[in-house]
C-alpha atoms as a PDB file:
ATOM      1  CA  UNK A   1      -4.902 -98.139  20.463  1.00  0.00           C
ATOM      2  CA  UNK A   2      -6.559 -95.024  22.170  1.00  0.00           C
ATOM      3  CA  UNK A   3     -10.088 -95.401  22.879  1.00  0.00           C
ATOM      4  CA  UNK A   4     -13.083 -92.875  21.592  1.00  0.00           C
ATOM      5  CA  UNK A   5     -13.615 -90.321  23.835  1.00  0.00           C
ATOM      6  CA  UNK A   6     -17.755 -91.345  24.680  1.00  0.00           C
ATOM      7  CA  UNK A   7     -20.479 -88.822  23.082  1.00  0.00           C
ATOM      8  CA  UNK A   8     -23.335 -87.189  25.849  1.00  0.00           C
ATOM      9  CA  UNK A   9     -26.772 -85.711  24.203  1.00  0.00           C
ATOM     10  CA  UNK A  10     -29.495 -84.551  24.982  1.00  0.00           C
ATOM     11  CA  UNK A  11     -32.651 -86.994  23.691  1.00  0.00           C
ATOM     12  CA  UNK A  12     -34.581 -85.068  20.461  1.00  0.00           C
ATOM     13  CA  UNK A  13     -37.916 -84.442  21.043  1.00  0.00           C
ATOM     14  CA  UNK A  14     -40.868 -85.389  18.934  1.00  0.00           C
ATOM     15  CA  UNK A  15     -42.614 -82.227  18.585  1.00  0.00           C
ATOM     16  CA  UNK A  16     -41.843 -78.344  20.117  1.00  0.00           C
ATOM     17  CA  UNK A  17     -38.720 -75.351  19.337  1.00  0.00           C
ATOM     18  CA  UNK A  18     -35.045 -75.741  19.836  1.00  0.00           C
ATOM     19  CA  UNK A  19     -33.892 -72.158  20.760  1.00  0.00           C
ATOM     20  CA  UNK A  20     -30.125 -72.080  19.573  1.00  0.00           C
ATOM     21  CA  UNK A  21     -27.140 -70.050  19.732  1.00  0.00           C
ATOM     22  CA  UNK A  22     -28.142 -67.664  23.196  1.00  0.00           C
ATOM     23  CA  UNK A  23     -25.365 -66.650  24.570  1.00  0.00           C
ATOM     24  CA  UNK A  24     -23.905 -68.571  27.812  1.00  0.00           C
ATOM     25  CA  UNK A  25     -24.694 -65.869  30.196  1.00  0.00           C
ATOM     26  CA  UNK A  26     -28.370 -64.381  29.054  1.00  0.00           C
ATOM     27  CA  UNK A  27     -29.878 -68.434  29.505  1.00  0.00           C
ATOM     28  CA  UNK A  28     -32.016 -67.434  32.117  1.00  0.00           C
ATOM     29  CA  UNK A  29     -33.925 -63.602  30.790  1.00  0.00           C
ATOM     30  CA  UNK A  30     -34.452 -65.876  27.910  1.00  0.00           C
ATOM     31  CA  UNK A  31     -36.730 -68.490  29.665  1.00  0.00           C
ATOM     32  CA  UNK A  32     -37.475 -65.177  31.702  1.00  0.00           C
ATOM     33  CA  UNK A  33     -38.155 -63.564  28.300  1.00  0.00           C
ATOM     34  CA  UNK A  34     -40.466 -65.746  26.953  1.00  0.00           C
ATOM     35  CA  UNK A  35     -42.214 -67.158  30.783  1.00  0.00           C
ATOM     36  CA  UNK A  36     -40.823 -70.741  30.879  1.00  0.00           C
ATOM     37  CA  UNK A  37     -40.399 -71.058  34.178  1.00  0.00           C
ATOM     38  CA  UNK A  38     -43.958 -71.444  34.739  1.00  0.00           C
ATOM     39  CA  UNK A  39     -44.817 -73.612  31.912  1.00  0.00           C
ATOM     40  CA  UNK A  40     -45.683 -77.662  32.586  1.00  0.00           C
ATOM     41  CA  UNK A  41     -43.921 -78.644  28.538  1.00  0.00           C
ATOM     42  CA  UNK A  42     -41.053 -80.709  28.948  1.00  0.00           C
ATOM     43  CA  UNK A  43     -37.108 -77.977  28.747  1.00  0.00           C
ATOM     44  CA  UNK A  44     -33.815 -79.271  28.234  1.00  0.00           C
ATOM     45  CA  UNK A  45     -31.096 -77.024  28.142  1.00  0.00           C
ATOM     46  CA  UNK A  46     -27.785 -77.089  27.913  1.00  0.00           C
ATOM     47  CA  UNK A  47     -25.389 -73.457  28.588  1.00  0.00           C
ATOM     48  CA  UNK A  48     -21.139 -73.280  28.271  1.00  0.00           C
ATOM     49  CA  UNK A  49     -21.700 -75.131  25.447  1.00  0.00           C
ATOM     50  CA  UNK A  50     -18.288 -74.575  22.392  1.00  0.00           C
ATOM     51  CA  UNK A  51     -19.798 -71.771  20.358  1.00  0.00           C
ATOM     52  CA  UNK A  52     -17.466 -71.090  17.403  1.00  0.00           C
ATOM     53  CA  UNK A  53     -19.812 -68.263  16.972  1.00  0.00           C
ATOM     54  CA  UNK A  54     -20.668 -67.178  20.390  1.00  0.00           C
ATOM     55  CA  UNK A  55     -17.230 -68.701  22.462  1.00  0.00           C
ATOM     56  CA  UNK A  56     -19.497 -70.078  24.577  1.00  0.00           C
ATOM     57  CA  UNK A  57     -23.594 -70.871  23.866  1.00  0.00           C
ATOM     58  CA  UNK A  58     -26.980 -72.202  25.928  1.00  0.00           C
ATOM     59  CA  UNK A  59     -29.502 -74.048  23.685  1.00  0.00           C
ATOM     60  CA  UNK A  60     -33.098 -74.646  24.818  1.00  0.00           C
ATOM     61  CA  UNK A  61     -35.155 -77.768  23.831  1.00  0.00           C
ATOM     62  CA  UNK A  62     -39.070 -77.225  24.757  1.00  0.00           C
ATOM     63  CA  UNK A  63     -41.605 -79.928  24.128  1.00  0.00           C
ATOM     64  CA  UNK A  64     -44.337 -79.743  22.232  1.00  0.00           C
ATOM     65  CA  UNK A  65     -44.576 -75.332  22.360  1.00  0.00           C
ATOM     66  CA  UNK A  66     -44.934 -73.479  19.627  1.00  0.00           C
ATOM     67  CA  UNK A  67     -44.232 -69.728  20.761  1.00  0.00           C
ATOM     68  CA  UNK A  68     -45.912 -66.853  18.601  1.00  0.00           C
ATOM     69  CA  UNK A  69     -43.362 -64.977  16.649  1.00  0.00           C
ATOM     70  CA  UNK A  70     -43.161 -61.499  18.930  1.00  0.00           C
ATOM     71  CA  UNK A  71     -42.890 -64.016  21.611  1.00  0.00           C
ATOM     72  CA  UNK A  72     -39.713 -64.492  20.113  1.00  0.00           C
ATOM     73  CA  UNK A  73     -38.454 -62.121  18.414  1.00  0.00           C
ATOM     74  CA  UNK A  74     -38.015 -60.369  22.746  1.00  0.00           C
ATOM     75  CA  UNK A  75     -35.775 -63.003  23.225  1.00  0.00           C
ATOM     76  CA  UNK A  76     -33.458 -60.329  20.888  1.00  0.00           C
ATOM     77  CA  UNK A  77     -33.000 -57.847  23.465  1.00  0.00           C
ATOM     78  CA  UNK A  78     -30.583 -60.755  25.226  1.00  0.00           C
ATOM     79  CA  UNK A  79     -29.577 -62.932  22.457  1.00  0.00           C
ATOM     80  CA  UNK A  80     -30.035 -61.344  18.879  1.00  0.00           C
ATOM     81  CA  UNK A  81     -28.408 -64.121  17.939  1.00  0.00           C
ATOM     82  CA  UNK A  82     -30.323 -67.165  18.802  1.00  0.00           C
ATOM     83  CA  UNK A  83     -32.252 -69.693  15.658  1.00  0.00           C
ATOM     84  CA  UNK A  84     -35.036 -71.298  16.388  1.00  0.00           C
ATOM     85  CA  UNK A  85     -35.627 -74.687  14.980  1.00  0.00           C
ATOM     86  CA  UNK A  86     -39.684 -75.610  15.180  1.00  0.00           C
ATOM     87  CA  UNK A  87     -39.811 -79.259  15.228  1.00  0.00           C
ATOM     88  CA  UNK A  88     -42.166 -81.832  14.969  1.00  0.00           C
ATOM     89  CA  UNK A  89     -42.573 -86.039  14.134  1.00  0.00           C
ATOM     90  CA  UNK A  90     -38.427 -85.462  15.165  1.00  0.00           C
ATOM     91  CA  UNK A  91     -37.789 -83.501  11.836  1.00  0.00           C
ATOM     92  CA  UNK A  92     -36.688 -79.654  11.393  1.00  0.00           C
ATOM     93  CA  UNK A  93     -40.004 -78.502  10.039  1.00  0.00           C
ATOM     94  CA  UNK A  94     -38.531 -74.506  10.032  1.00  0.00           C
ATOM     95  CA  UNK A  95     -35.746 -72.303  11.337  1.00  0.00           C
ATOM     96  CA  UNK A  96     -36.306 -68.962  12.201  1.00  0.00           C
ATOM     97  CA  UNK A  97     -34.236 -66.064  12.903  1.00  0.00           C
ATOM     98  CA  UNK A  98     -35.084 -63.884  16.061  1.00  0.00           C
ATOM     99  CA  UNK A  99     -35.562 -60.017  14.934  1.00  0.00           C
ATOM    100  CA  UNK A 100     -36.014 -56.858  17.684  1.00  0.00           C
ATOM    101  CA  UNK A 101     -39.476 -55.707  17.250  1.00  0.00           C
ATOM    102  CA  UNK A 102     -39.900 -52.105  16.890  1.00  0.00           C
ATOM    103  CA  UNK A 103     -42.203 -51.784  20.369  1.00  0.00           C
ATOM    104  CA  UNK A 104     -41.271 -53.824  23.718  1.00  0.00           C
ATOM    105  CA  UNK A 105     -44.077 -53.530  26.304  1.00  0.00           C
ATOM    106  CA  UNK A 106     -44.018 -54.505  30.320  1.00  0.00           C
ATOM    107  CA  UNK A 107     -40.677 -57.086  29.397  1.00  0.00           C
ATOM    108  CA  UNK A 108     -37.893 -54.115  30.325  1.00  0.00           C
ATOM    109  CA  UNK A 109     -37.574 -51.900  32.857  1.00  0.00           C
ATOM    110  CA  UNK A 110     -36.857 -48.454  32.097  1.00  0.00           C
ATOM    111  CA  UNK A 111     -33.918 -47.144  33.609  1.00  0.00           C
ATOM    112  CA  UNK A 112     -34.814 -43.587  34.489  1.00  0.00           C
ATOM    113  CA  UNK A 113     -36.023 -44.272  38.092  1.00  0.00           C
ATOM    114  CA  UNK A 114     -38.307 -41.021  37.871  1.00  0.00           C
ATOM    115  CA  UNK A 115     -40.139 -42.487  35.439  1.00  0.00           C
ATOM    116  CA  UNK A 116     -43.586 -43.301  36.789  1.00  0.00           C
ATOM    117  CA  UNK A 117     -42.925 -47.307  34.882  1.00  0.00           C
ATOM    118  CA  UNK A 118     -40.700 -47.359  38.043  1.00  0.00           C
ATOM    119  CA  UNK A 119     -43.224 -46.178  40.585  1.00  0.00           C
ATOM    120  CA  UNK A 120     -45.902 -46.157  39.297  1.00  0.00           C
ATOM    121  CA  UNK A 121     -48.322 -49.737  38.317  1.00  0.00           C
ATOM    122  CA  UNK A 122     -48.115 -48.673  34.371  1.00  0.00           C
ATOM    123  CA  UNK A 123     -47.002 -51.410  32.382  1.00  0.00           C
ATOM    124  CA  UNK A 124     -43.475 -49.721  30.265  1.00  0.00           C
ATOM    125  CA  UNK A 125     -43.681 -49.380  26.974  1.00  0.00           C
ATOM    126  CA  UNK A 126     -40.834 -48.646  24.060  1.00  0.00           C
ATOM    127  CA  UNK A 127     -40.419 -47.840  20.782  1.00  0.00           C
ATOM    128  CA  UNK A 128     -36.180 -49.576  19.436  1.00  0.00           C
ATOM    129  CA  UNK A 129     -34.312 -47.040  18.310  1.00  0.00           C
ATOM    130  CA  UNK A 130     -31.183 -49.143  17.275  1.00  0.00           C
ATOM    131  CA  UNK A 131     -31.604 -52.768  16.466  1.00  0.00           C
ATOM    132  CA  UNK A 132     -27.579 -53.127  16.538  1.00  0.00           C
ATOM    133  CA  UNK A 133     -26.786 -52.350  19.197  1.00  0.00           C
ATOM    134  CA  UNK A 134     -30.254 -52.583  21.129  1.00  0.00           C
ATOM    135  CA  UNK A 135     -31.735 -48.860  22.701  1.00  0.00           C
ATOM    136  CA  UNK A 136     -34.698 -48.466  23.393  1.00  0.00           C
ATOM    137  CA  UNK A 137     -37.475 -44.808  24.074  1.00  0.00           C
ATOM    138  CA  UNK A 138     -39.841 -45.225  26.663  1.00  0.00           C
ATOM    139  CA  UNK A 139     -43.470 -44.258  25.791  1.00  0.00           C
ATOM    140  CA  UNK A 140     -43.540 -42.163  28.819  1.00  0.00           C
ATOM    141  CA  UNK A 141     -40.466 -40.238  28.999  1.00  0.00           C
ATOM    142  CA  UNK A 142     -38.692 -40.487  26.452  1.00  0.00           C
ATOM    143  CA  UNK A 143     -35.589 -41.630  28.860  1.00  0.00           C
ATOM    144  CA  UNK A 144     -33.711 -43.714  26.077  1.00  0.00           C
ATOM    145  CA  UNK A 145     -32.183 -47.244  28.119  1.00  0.00           C
ATOM    146  CA  UNK A 146     -29.004 -49.107  26.404  1.00  0.00           C
ATOM    147  CA  UNK A 147     -28.324 -52.275  25.857  1.00  0.00           C
ATOM    148  CA  UNK A 148     -25.888 -51.837  28.895  1.00  0.00           C
ATOM    149  CA  UNK A 149     -28.352 -50.377  30.931  1.00  0.00           C
ATOM    150  CA  UNK A 150     -31.173 -53.293  29.840  1.00  0.00           C
ATOM    151  CA  UNK A 151     -33.100 -54.895  32.874  1.00  0.00           C
ATOM    152  CA  UNK A 152     -35.532 -57.831  32.016  1.00  0.00           C
ATOM    153  CA  UNK A 153     -37.682 -57.147  34.518  1.00  0.00           C
END
């Protein structure tokens, strides 16, 4: 008689947010973008989980934390297929899909080394010129930063 493989799972959260379908290689960028490294709430994450859609994915569960749409949409820069589940009393009460916002402020670096934002204390500001293959136009120097050169600060 063959033994069933053991299933290990992460415990459910009572209230909070689950972010799923994060590309595994971008897990820590998402943590950084959302400032999760600076909060006191319980955070559980898993990475390199099998995914039919992404190959390997990551997931983050944050207890007692809910995000404004603007904050969540910022993760679309590195996790465009991310899905959010809002949990209340252990039940999914809302599902959200991230969208790349029209403007990005203070989370990405301009790829132009001569841009004022790279040598003065000036917050970066970009207009999103392409949401499919993310491309950002710097408000100051007008240089385009594409997804390949995108650096999260």
